Protein backbone atom coordinates (compact mmCIF):
# COMPACT_ATOMS: atom_id res chain seq x y z
CA MET A 1 132.01 96.15 119.11
CA VAL A 2 130.57 93.87 116.41
CA LYS A 3 132.78 93.17 113.41
CA PRO A 4 130.85 93.81 110.17
CA THR A 5 130.39 90.83 107.88
CA ARG A 6 131.94 90.73 104.40
CA VAL A 7 128.67 89.39 103.04
CA THR A 8 126.72 92.10 101.24
CA ASN A 9 123.11 91.98 100.18
CA SER A 10 120.47 93.48 97.93
CA LEU A 11 117.65 93.44 100.48
CA ARG A 12 116.78 97.11 100.26
CA ALA A 13 116.65 97.06 96.44
CA LEU A 14 114.60 93.85 96.44
CA ARG A 15 112.14 95.25 98.99
CA PHE A 16 111.54 98.33 96.84
CA ALA A 17 111.30 96.25 93.67
CA HIS A 18 108.56 94.18 95.32
CA GLY A 19 105.99 96.88 95.97
CA GLN A 20 108.07 98.86 98.43
CA MET A 21 107.87 96.10 101.04
CA THR A 22 108.74 97.48 104.46
CA GLN A 23 111.36 96.04 106.76
CA ALA A 24 108.52 95.12 109.12
CA ASP A 25 106.67 93.27 106.33
CA LEU A 26 109.76 91.25 105.47
CA ALA A 27 110.43 90.54 109.14
CA THR A 28 106.90 89.20 109.62
CA ARG A 29 107.17 86.97 106.56
CA ILE A 30 110.41 85.35 107.74
CA GLY A 31 109.57 85.29 111.46
CA VAL A 32 112.13 87.75 112.86
CA THR A 33 112.07 91.27 114.28
CA ARG A 34 112.37 94.41 112.21
CA GLN A 35 115.65 95.09 114.02
CA THR A 36 117.04 91.82 112.62
CA VAL A 37 116.14 92.86 109.07
CA ILE A 38 117.78 96.25 109.65
CA ALA A 39 120.97 94.58 110.92
CA ILE A 40 121.07 92.24 107.90
CA GLU A 41 120.55 95.13 105.46
CA GLN A 42 123.32 97.15 107.12
CA GLY A 43 125.75 94.23 107.05
CA ARG A 44 125.96 94.04 110.83
CA TYR A 45 124.46 90.53 110.94
CA SER A 46 124.66 87.48 108.68
CA PRO A 47 121.49 85.40 108.70
CA SER A 48 121.53 81.65 109.14
CA LEU A 49 121.49 79.62 105.95
CA GLU A 50 117.85 78.72 106.56
CA MET A 51 116.88 82.38 107.04
CA ALA A 52 118.83 83.36 103.91
CA PHE A 53 116.84 80.83 101.88
CA GLN A 54 113.58 82.08 103.43
CA ILE A 55 114.45 85.63 102.39
CA ALA A 56 115.26 84.54 98.83
CA HIS A 57 111.98 82.59 98.72
CA VAL A 58 109.98 85.68 99.76
CA PHE A 59 111.35 87.53 96.73
CA GLY A 60 111.21 84.51 94.42
CA VAL A 61 114.87 84.81 93.46
CA PRO A 62 117.97 82.62 93.84
CA LEU A 63 120.08 83.06 96.97
CA GLU A 64 122.85 84.63 94.89
CA ASP A 65 120.51 87.46 93.90
CA VAL A 66 120.10 88.40 97.56
CA PHE A 67 123.48 87.75 99.17
CA HIS A 68 126.96 88.36 97.76
CA TYR A 69 130.36 87.29 99.06
CA PRO A 70 133.41 89.06 97.60
CA GLU A 71 135.86 87.05 95.53
CA GLU A 72 139.27 86.57 97.11
CA SER A 73 142.10 88.31 95.28
CA PRO A 74 145.00 85.97 94.40
């Protein structure tokens, strides 16, 4: 069983904000399979740093607008 990542993302919202881009469209633009995009959106897979930057570049936003890591509670 795969442990979910704590990294969350705004991929789905960004895709819809950019002309309702499909998961397949995004996958083609970053050179991965649609299944990889699905896994990232669902938090089952964390992309490499390079892929994360590619995704942010597709949407023309900073990395922090796509991926979020929760603050640690003291």
